[in-house]
Amino acid sequence: MKAQRDSIFTVMKLSDENKLKMHELIAKNGNGQKAIKEDPTLSEEQKKEKLQAWKKDITAEERKILTTEQFEIWRDFGKSSKQK
């Protein structure tokens, strides 16, 4: 998956700084989602709500790093990855 991400980052023409920011954000996203999913104090409905809010926050952070065009490429990549 990392190789695919790196290749899409090349297509997106990300600077080295923004590549690093995106890799950090991807790690943060994975850890955050895992923590929510594994939280035994939350009901399934609470987990769903927290995950939706978390994803919204991550998307806002992505938009701060990427240009509009880069963000669209990134979203398309994410959608195609989920379909596989």
PDB file of N, CA and C in Angstrom:
ATOM      1  N   MET A   1       0.826  -1.196   0.000  1.00  0.00           N
ATOM      2  CA  MET A   1       0.000   0.000   0.000  1.00  0.00           C
ATOM      3  C   MET A   1       0.872   1.261   0.000  1.00  0.00           C
ATOM      4  N   LYS A   2       1.991   1.221   0.754  1.00  0.00           N
ATOM      5  CA  LYS A   2       2.863   2.389   0.804  1.00  0.00           C
ATOM      6  C   LYS A   2       3.422   2.707  -0.582  1.00  0.00           C
ATOM      7  N   ALA A   3       3.762   1.677  -1.347  1.00  0.00           N
ATOM      8  CA  ALA A   3       4.285   1.899  -2.695  1.00  0.00           C
ATOM      9  C   ALA A   3       3.233   2.572  -3.569  1.00  0.00           C
ATOM     10  N   GLN A   4       1.972   2.140  -3.433  1.00  0.00           N
ATOM     11  CA  GLN A   4       0.886   2.773  -4.194  1.00  0.00           C
ATOM     12  C   GLN A   4       0.737   4.238  -3.788  1.00  0.00           C
ATOM     13  N   ARG A   5       0.804   4.489  -2.482  1.00  0.00           N
ATOM     14  CA  ARG A   5       0.689   5.871  -1.998  1.00  0.00           C
ATOM     15  C   ARG A   5       1.823   6.724  -2.540  1.00  0.00           C
ATOM     16  N   ASP A   6       3.035   6.189  -2.475  1.00  0.00           N
ATOM     17  CA  ASP A   6       4.175   6.955  -2.973  1.00  0.00           C
ATOM     18  C   ASP A   6       4.028   7.263  -4.454  1.00  0.00           C
ATOM     19  N   SER A   7       3.495   6.313  -5.222  1.00  0.00           N
ATOM     20  CA  SER A   7       3.327   6.566  -6.654  1.00  0.00           C
ATOM     21  C   SER A   7       2.245   7.622  -6.891  1.00  0.00           C
ATOM     22  N   ILE A   8       1.182   7.608  -6.089  1.00  0.00           N
ATOM     23  CA  ILE A   8       0.137   8.624  -6.268  1.00  0.00           C
ATOM     24  C   ILE A   8       0.665   9.982  -5.817  1.00  0.00           C
ATOM     25  N   PHE A   9       1.535   9.998  -4.802  1.00  0.00           N
ATOM     26  CA  PHE A   9       2.138  11.261  -4.372  1.00  0.00           C
ATOM     27  C   PHE A   9       2.979  11.850  -5.500  1.00  0.00           C
ATOM     28  N   THR A  10       3.632  10.988  -6.278  1.00  0.00           N
ATOM     29  CA  THR A  10       4.413  11.454  -7.425  1.00  0.00           C
ATOM     30  C   THR A  10       3.488  12.050  -8.476  1.00  0.00           C
ATOM     31  N   VAL A  11       2.384  11.372  -8.753  1.00  0.00           N
ATOM     32  CA  VAL A  11       1.395  11.883  -9.714  1.00  0.00           C
ATOM     33  C   VAL A  11       0.852  13.233  -9.244  1.00  0.00           C
ATOM     34  N   MET A  12       0.659  13.357  -7.938  1.00  0.00           N
ATOM     35  CA  MET A  12       0.120  14.592  -7.366  1.00  0.00           C
ATOM     36  C   MET A  12       1.155  15.719  -7.334  1.00  0.00           C
ATOM     37  N   LYS A  13       2.420  15.363  -7.582  1.00  0.00           N
ATOM     38  CA  LYS A  13       3.521  16.329  -7.563  1.00  0.00           C
ATOM     39  C   LYS A  13       3.654  17.001  -6.190  1.00  0.00           C
ATOM     40  N   LEU A  14       3.607  16.174  -5.144  1.00  0.00           N
ATOM     41  CA  LEU A  14       3.761  16.701  -3.789  1.00  0.00           C
ATOM     42  C   LEU A  14       5.218  17.045  -3.522  1.00  0.00           C
ATOM     43  N   SER A  15       5.422  18.110  -2.788  1.00  0.00           N
ATOM     44  CA  SER A  15       6.771  18.453  -2.347  1.00  0.00           C
ATOM     45  C   SER A  15       7.193  17.431  -1.290  1.00  0.00           C
ATOM     46  N   ASP A  16       8.490  17.346  -1.022  1.00  0.00           N
ATOM     47  CA  ASP A  16       8.968  16.420   0.003  1.00  0.00           C
ATOM     48  C   ASP A  16       8.329  16.738   1.352  1.00  0.00           C
ATOM     49  N   GLU A  17       8.176  18.019   1.636  1.00  0.00           N
ATOM     50  CA  GLU A  17       7.563  18.447   2.897  1.00  0.00           C
ATOM     51  C   GLU A  17       6.115  17.959   2.995  1.00  0.00           C
ATOM     52  N   ASN A  18       5.365  18.107   1.911  1.00  0.00           N
ATOM     53  CA  ASN A  18       3.969  17.678   1.931  1.00  0.00           C
ATOM     54  C   ASN A  18       3.829  16.157   1.915  1.00  0.00           C
ATOM     55  N   LYS A  19       4.786  15.464   1.282  1.00  0.00           N
ATOM     56  CA  LYS A  19       4.781  13.998   1.355  1.00  0.00           C
ATOM     57  C   LYS A  19       4.917  13.563   2.809  1.00  0.00           C
ATOM     58  N   LEU A  20       5.846  14.194   3.515  1.00  0.00           N
ATOM     59  CA  LEU A  20       6.060  13.869   4.921  1.00  0.00           C
ATOM     60  C   LEU A  20       4.807  14.174   5.742  1.00  0.00           C
ATOM     61  N   LYS A  21       4.200  15.320   5.502  1.00  0.00           N
ATOM     62  CA  LYS A  21       2.972  15.684   6.221  1.00  0.00           C
ATOM     63  C   LYS A  21       1.862  14.669   5.965  1.00  0.00           C
ATOM     64  N   MET A  22       1.738  14.230   4.723  1.00  0.00           N
ATOM     65  CA  MET A  22       0.691  13.258   4.390  1.00  0.00           C
ATOM     66  C   MET A  22       0.973  11.897   5.036  1.00  0.00           C
ATOM     67  N   HIS A  23       2.237  11.464   5.029  1.00  0.00           N
ATOM     68  CA  HIS A  23       2.572  10.191   5.675  1.00  0.00           C
ATOM     69  C   HIS A  23       2.254  10.259   7.171  1.00  0.00           C
ATOM     70  N   GLU A  24       2.576  11.395   7.798  1.00  0.00           N
ATOM     71  CA  GLU A  24       2.274  11.565   9.223  1.00  0.00           C
ATOM     72  C   GLU A  24       0.767  11.558   9.463  1.00  0.00           C
ATOM     73  N   LEU A  25       0.026  12.204   8.584  1.00  0.00           N
ATOM     74  CA  LEU A  25      -1.429  12.258   8.723  1.00  0.00           C
ATOM     75  C   LEU A  25      -2.055  10.873   8.522  1.00  0.00           C
ATOM     76  N   ILE A  26      -1.522  10.106   7.584  1.00  0.00           N
ATOM     77  CA  ILE A  26      -2.019   8.750   7.343  1.00  0.00           C
ATOM     78  C   ILE A  26      -1.800   7.885   8.589  1.00  0.00           C
ATOM     79  N   ALA A  27      -0.625   8.007   9.202  1.00  0.00           N
ATOM     80  CA  ALA A  27      -0.344   7.250  10.424  1.00  0.00           C
ATOM     81  C   ALA A  27      -1.278   7.688  11.553  1.00  0.00           C
ATOM     82  N   LYS A  28      -1.446   8.998  11.689  1.00  0.00           N
ATOM     83  CA  LYS A  28      -2.347   9.538  12.716  1.00  0.00           C
ATOM     84  C   LYS A  28      -3.768   9.021  12.497  1.00  0.00           C
ATOM     85  N   ASN A  29      -4.203   9.005  11.252  1.00  0.00           N
ATOM     86  CA  ASN A  29      -5.545   8.539  10.919  1.00  0.00           C
ATOM     87  C   ASN A  29      -5.722   7.069  11.308  1.00  0.00           C
ATOM     88  N   GLY A  30      -4.761   6.254  10.936  1.00  0.00           N
ATOM     89  CA  GLY A  30      -4.848   4.828  11.261  1.00  0.00           C
ATOM     90  C   GLY A  30      -4.900   4.581  12.760  1.00  0.00           C
ATOM     91  N   ASN A  31      -4.039   5.268  13.495  1.00  0.00           N
ATOM     92  CA  ASN A  31      -4.010   5.104  14.946  1.00  0.00           C
ATOM     93  C   ASN A  31      -5.303   5.593  15.585  1.00  0.00           C
ATOM     94  N   GLY A  32      -5.814   6.711  15.102  1.00  0.00           N
ATOM     95  CA  GLY A  32      -7.048   7.268  15.649  1.00  0.00           C
ATOM     96  C   GLY A  32      -8.246   6.368  15.400  1.00  0.00           C
ATOM     97  N   GLN A  33      -8.353   5.871  14.172  1.00  0.00           N
ATOM     98  CA  GLN A  33      -9.467   4.968  13.852  1.00  0.00           C
ATOM     99  C   GLN A  33      -9.383   3.687  14.676  1.00  0.00           C
ATOM    100  N   LYS A  34      -8.176   3.161  14.816  1.00  0.00           N
ATOM    101  CA  LYS A  34      -7.992   1.934  15.590  1.00  0.00           C
ATOM    102  C   LYS A  34      -8.410   2.159  17.040  1.00  0.00           C
ATOM    103  N   ALA A  35      -8.005   3.284  17.617  1.00  0.00           N
ATOM    104  CA  ALA A  35      -8.347   3.582  19.009  1.00  0.00           C
ATOM    105  C   ALA A  35      -9.860   3.665  19.200  1.00  0.00           C
ATOM    106  N   ILE A  36     -10.531   4.296  18.266  1.00  0.00           N
ATOM    107  CA  ILE A  36     -11.992   4.410  18.362  1.00  0.00           C
ATOM    108  C   ILE A  36     -12.637   3.031  18.244  1.00  0.00           C
ATOM    109  N   LYS A  37     -12.215   2.260  17.263  1.00  0.00           N
ATOM    110  CA  LYS A  37     -12.814   0.940  17.028  1.00  0.00           C
ATOM    111  C   LYS A  37     -12.588  -0.024  18.189  1.00  0.00           C
ATOM    112  N   GLU A  38     -11.459   0.143  18.883  1.00  0.00           N
ATOM    113  CA  GLU A  38     -11.118  -0.787  19.962  1.00  0.00           C
ATOM    114  C   GLU A  38     -11.521  -0.275  21.342  1.00  0.00           C
ATOM    115  N   ASP A  39     -12.171   0.872  21.414  1.00  0.00           N
ATOM    116  CA  ASP A  39     -12.573   1.445  22.701  1.00  0.00           C
ATOM    117  C   ASP A  39     -13.763   0.659  23.266  1.00  0.00           C
ATOM    118  N   PRO A  40     -13.535  -0.095  24.338  1.00  0.00           N
ATOM    119  CA  PRO A  40     -14.610  -0.930  24.884  1.00  0.00           C
ATOM    120  C   PRO A  40     -15.712  -0.129  25.585  1.00  0.00           C
ATOM    121  N   THR A  41     -15.458   1.137  25.857  1.00  0.00           N
ATOM    122  CA  THR A  41     -16.459   1.952  26.556  1.00  0.00           C
ATOM    123  C   THR A  41     -17.504   2.527  25.613  1.00  0.00           C
ATOM    124  N   LEU A  42     -17.280   2.381  24.298  1.00  0.00           N
ATOM    125  CA  LEU A  42     -18.202   2.956  23.321  1.00  0.00           C
ATOM    126  C   LEU A  42     -19.144   1.898  22.759  1.00  0.00           C
ATOM    127  N   SER A  43     -20.387   2.291  22.553  1.00  0.00           N
ATOM    128  CA  SER A  43     -21.338   1.415  21.864  1.00  0.00           C
ATOM    129  C   SER A  43     -21.014   1.459  20.369  1.00  0.00           C
ATOM    130  N   GLU A  44     -21.603   0.565  19.609  1.00  0.00           N
ATOM    131  CA  GLU A  44     -21.372   0.560  18.160  1.00  0.00           C
ATOM    132  C   GLU A  44     -21.824   1.879  17.536  1.00  0.00           C
ATOM    133  N   GLU A  45     -22.929   2.404  18.010  1.00  0.00           N
ATOM    134  CA  GLU A  45     -23.436   3.680  17.488  1.00  0.00           C
ATOM    135  C   GLU A  45     -22.475   4.823  17.817  1.00  0.00           C
ATOM    136  N   GLN A  46     -21.934   4.824  19.030  1.00  0.00           N
ATOM    137  CA  GLN A  46     -20.971   5.858  19.419  1.00  0.00           C
ATOM    138  C   GLN A  46     -19.699   5.750  18.582  1.00  0.00           C
ATOM    139  N   LYS A  47     -19.262   4.532  18.334  1.00  0.00           N
ATOM    140  CA  LYS A  47     -18.072   4.324  17.501  1.00  0.00           C
ATOM    141  C   LYS A  47     -18.315   4.881  16.102  1.00  0.00           C
ATOM    142  N   LYS A  48     -19.485   4.593  15.564  1.00  0.00           N
ATOM    143  CA  LYS A  48     -19.833   5.075  14.226  1.00  0.00           C
ATOM    144  C   LYS A  48     -19.808   6.607  14.184  1.00  0.00           C
ATOM    145  N   GLU A  49     -20.406   7.234  15.185  1.00  0.00           N
ATOM    146  CA  GLU A  49     -20.443   8.700  15.244  1.00  0.00           C
ATOM    147  C   GLU A  49     -19.041   9.284  15.387  1.00  0.00           C
ATOM    148  N   LYS A  50     -18.236   8.685  16.268  1.00  0.00           N
ATOM    149  CA  LYS A  50     -16.875   9.180  16.478  1.00  0.00           C
ATOM    150  C   LYS A  50     -16.026   9.007  15.217  1.00  0.00           C
ATOM    151  N   LEU A  51     -16.203   7.878  14.531  1.00  0.00           N
ATOM    152  CA  LEU A  51     -15.444   7.646  13.299  1.00  0.00           C
ATOM    153  C   LEU A  51     -15.814   8.663  12.223  1.00  0.00           C
ATOM    154  N   GLN A  52     -17.095   8.979  12.117  1.00  0.00           N
ATOM    155  CA  GLN A  52     -17.520   9.983  11.135  1.00  0.00           C
ATOM    156  C   GLN A  52     -16.896  11.336  11.451  1.00  0.00           C
ATOM    157  N   ALA A  53     -16.900  11.721  12.714  1.00  0.00           N
ATOM    158  CA  ALA A  53     -16.307  12.996  13.121  1.00  0.00           C
ATOM    159  C   ALA A  53     -14.797  12.976  12.885  1.00  0.00           C
ATOM    160  N   TRP A  54     -14.157  11.848  13.199  1.00  0.00           N
ATOM    161  CA  TRP A  54     -12.718  11.709  13.008  1.00  0.00           C
ATOM    162  C   TRP A  54     -12.358  11.872  11.529  1.00  0.00           C
ATOM    163  N   LYS A  55     -13.099  11.192  10.667  1.00  0.00           N
ATOM    164  CA  LYS A  55     -12.828  11.268   9.229  1.00  0.00           C
ATOM    165  C   LYS A  55     -13.018  12.691   8.706  1.00  0.00           C
ATOM    166  N   LYS A  56     -13.995  13.388   9.247  1.00  0.00           N
ATOM    167  CA  LYS A  56     -14.233  14.776   8.852  1.00  0.00           C
ATOM    168  C   LYS A  56     -13.027  15.646   9.235  1.00  0.00           C
ATOM    169  N   ASP A  57     -12.493  15.421  10.435  1.00  0.00           N
ATOM    170  CA  ASP A  57     -11.318  16.166  10.896  1.00  0.00           C
ATOM    171  C   ASP A  57     -10.097  15.859  10.034  1.00  0.00           C
ATOM    172  N   ILE A  58      -9.905  14.594   9.691  1.00  0.00           N
ATOM    173  CA  ILE A  58      -8.762  14.198   8.860  1.00  0.00           C
ATOM    174  C   ILE A  58      -8.880  14.834   7.475  1.00  0.00           C
ATOM    175  N   THR A  59     -10.077  14.838   6.926  1.00  0.00           N
ATOM    176  CA  THR A  59     -10.298  15.457   5.617  1.00  0.00           C
ATOM    177  C   THR A  59      -9.954  16.941   5.666  1.00  0.00           C
ATOM    178  N   ALA A  60     -10.317  17.612   6.743  1.00  0.00           N
ATOM    179  CA  ALA A  60      -9.989  19.035   6.893  1.00  0.00           C
ATOM    180  C   ALA A  60      -8.475  19.231   6.923  1.00  0.00           C
ATOM    181  N   GLU A  61      -7.771  18.328   7.592  1.00  0.00           N
ATOM    182  CA  GLU A  61      -6.306  18.421   7.637  1.00  0.00           C
ATOM    183  C   GLU A  61      -5.702  18.148   6.260  1.00  0.00           C
ATOM    184  N   GLU A  62      -6.269  17.197   5.527  1.00  0.00           N
ATOM    185  CA  GLU A  62      -5.788  16.918   4.166  1.00  0.00           C
ATOM    186  C   GLU A  62      -5.935  18.162   3.292  1.00  0.00           C
ATOM    187  N   ARG A  63      -7.059  18.835   3.428  1.00  0.00           N
ATOM    188  CA  ARG A  63      -7.315  20.038   2.625  1.00  0.00           C
ATOM    189  C   ARG A  63      -6.318  21.156   2.935  1.00  0.00           C
ATOM    190  N   LYS A  64      -5.808  21.189   4.160  1.00  0.00           N
ATOM    191  CA  LYS A  64      -4.808  22.201   4.527  1.00  0.00           C
ATOM    192  C   LYS A  64      -3.463  21.919   3.860  1.00  0.00           C
ATOM    193  N   ILE A  65      -3.174  20.639   3.624  1.00  0.00           N
ATOM    194  CA  ILE A  65      -1.891  20.236   3.043  1.00  0.00           C
ATOM    195  C   ILE A  65      -1.922  20.293   1.519  1.00  0.00           C
ATOM    196  N   LEU A  66      -3.029  19.851   0.930  1.00  0.00           N
ATOM    197  CA  LEU A  66      -3.115  19.660  -0.518  1.00  0.00           C
ATOM    198  C   LEU A  66      -3.810  20.818  -1.224  1.00  0.00           C
ATOM    199  N   THR A  67      -3.447  21.007  -2.490  1.00  0.00           N
ATOM    200  CA  THR A  67      -4.195  21.938  -3.333  1.00  0.00           C
ATOM    201  C   THR A  67      -5.525  21.276  -3.683  1.00  0.00           C
ATOM    202  N   THR A  68      -6.440  22.024  -4.253  1.00  0.00           N
ATOM    203  CA  THR A  68      -7.738  21.471  -4.644  1.00  0.00           C
ATOM    204  C   THR A  68      -7.559  20.309  -5.614  1.00  0.00           C
ATOM    205  N   GLU A  69      -6.695  20.485  -6.598  1.00  0.00           N
ATOM    206  CA  GLU A  69      -6.457  19.430  -7.593  1.00  0.00           C
ATOM    207  C   GLU A  69      -5.842  18.190  -6.938  1.00  0.00           C
ATOM    208  N   GLN A  70      -4.858  18.403  -6.076  1.00  0.00           N
ATOM    209  CA  GLN A  70      -4.226  17.279  -5.387  1.00  0.00           C
ATOM    210  C   GLN A  70      -5.236  16.543  -4.503  1.00  0.00           C
ATOM    211  N   PHE A  71      -6.087  17.310  -3.839  1.00  0.00           N
ATOM    212  CA  PHE A  71      -7.096  16.705  -2.969  1.00  0.00           C
ATOM    213  C   PHE A  71      -8.044  15.821  -3.771  1.00  0.00           C
ATOM    214  N   GLU A  72      -8.460  16.275  -4.941  1.00  0.00           N
ATOM    215  CA  GLU A  72      -9.354  15.480  -5.790  1.00  0.00           C
ATOM    216  C   GLU A  72      -8.682  14.179  -6.228  1.00  0.00           C
ATOM    217  N   ILE A  73      -7.412  14.251  -6.593  1.00  0.00           N
ATOM    218  CA  ILE A  73      -6.667  13.048  -6.983  1.00  0.00           C
ATOM    219  C   ILE A  73      -6.586  12.092  -5.792  1.00  0.00           C
ATOM    220  N   TRP A  74      -6.304  12.644  -4.621  1.00  0.00           N
ATOM    221  CA  TRP A  74      -6.191  11.845  -3.402  1.00  0.00           C
ATOM    222  C   TRP A  74      -7.519  11.161  -3.060  1.00  0.00           C
ATOM    223  N   ARG A  75      -8.625  11.880  -3.173  1.00  0.00           N
ATOM    224  CA  ARG A  75      -9.954  11.308  -2.898  1.00  0.00           C
ATOM    225  C   ARG A  75     -10.266  10.187  -3.889  1.00  0.00           C
ATOM    226  N   ASP A  76      -9.965  10.406  -5.163  1.00  0.00           N
ATOM    227  CA  ASP A  76     -10.207   9.372  -6.177  1.00  0.00           C
ATOM    228  C   ASP A  76      -9.377   8.126  -5.886  1.00  0.00           C
ATOM    229  N   PHE A  77      -8.140   8.333  -5.471  1.00  0.00           N
ATOM    230  CA  PHE A  77      -7.264   7.214  -5.113  1.00  0.00           C
ATOM    231  C   PHE A  77      -7.855   6.449  -3.928  1.00  0.00           C
ATOM    232  N   GLY A  78      -8.334   7.167  -2.933  1.00  0.00           N
ATOM    233  CA  GLY A  78      -8.937   6.533  -1.761  1.00  0.00           C
ATOM    234  C   GLY A  78     -10.161   5.720  -2.115  1.00  0.00           C
ATOM    235  N   LYS A  79     -10.993   6.265  -2.982  1.00  0.00           N
ATOM    236  CA  LYS A  79     -12.208   5.549  -3.399  1.00  0.00           C
ATOM    237  C   LYS A  79     -11.849   4.281  -4.169  1.00  0.00           C
ATOM    238  N   SER A  80     -10.875   4.379  -5.066  1.00  0.00           N
ATOM    239  CA  SER A  80     -10.502   3.205  -5.862  1.00  0.00           C
ATOM    240  C   SER A  80      -9.826   2.151  -4.993  1.00  0.00           C
ATOM    241  N   SER A  81      -9.103   2.564  -3.965  1.00  0.00           N
ATOM    242  CA  SER A  81      -8.452   1.612  -3.059  1.00  0.00           C
ATOM    243  C   SER A  81      -9.476   0.831  -2.251  1.00  0.00           C
ATOM    244  N   LYS A  82     -10.554   1.482  -1.858  1.00  0.00           N
ATOM    245  CA  LYS A  82     -11.587   0.825  -1.056  1.00  0.00           C
ATOM    246  C   LYS A  82     -12.379  -0.190  -1.870  1.00  0.00           C
ATOM    247  N   GLN A  83     -12.447   0.001  -3.179  1.00  0.00           N
ATOM    248  CA  GLN A  83     -13.217  -0.899  -4.037  1.00  0.00           C
ATOM    249  C   GLN A  83     -12.486  -2.208  -4.296  1.00  0.00           C
ATOM    250  N   LYS A  84     -11.199  -2.240  -4.049  1.00  0.00           N
ATOM    251  CA  LYS A  84     -10.399  -3.445  -4.334  1.00  0.00           C
ATOM    252  C   LYS A  84     -10.535  -4.467  -3.240  1.00  0.00           C
TER     253      LYS A  84
END
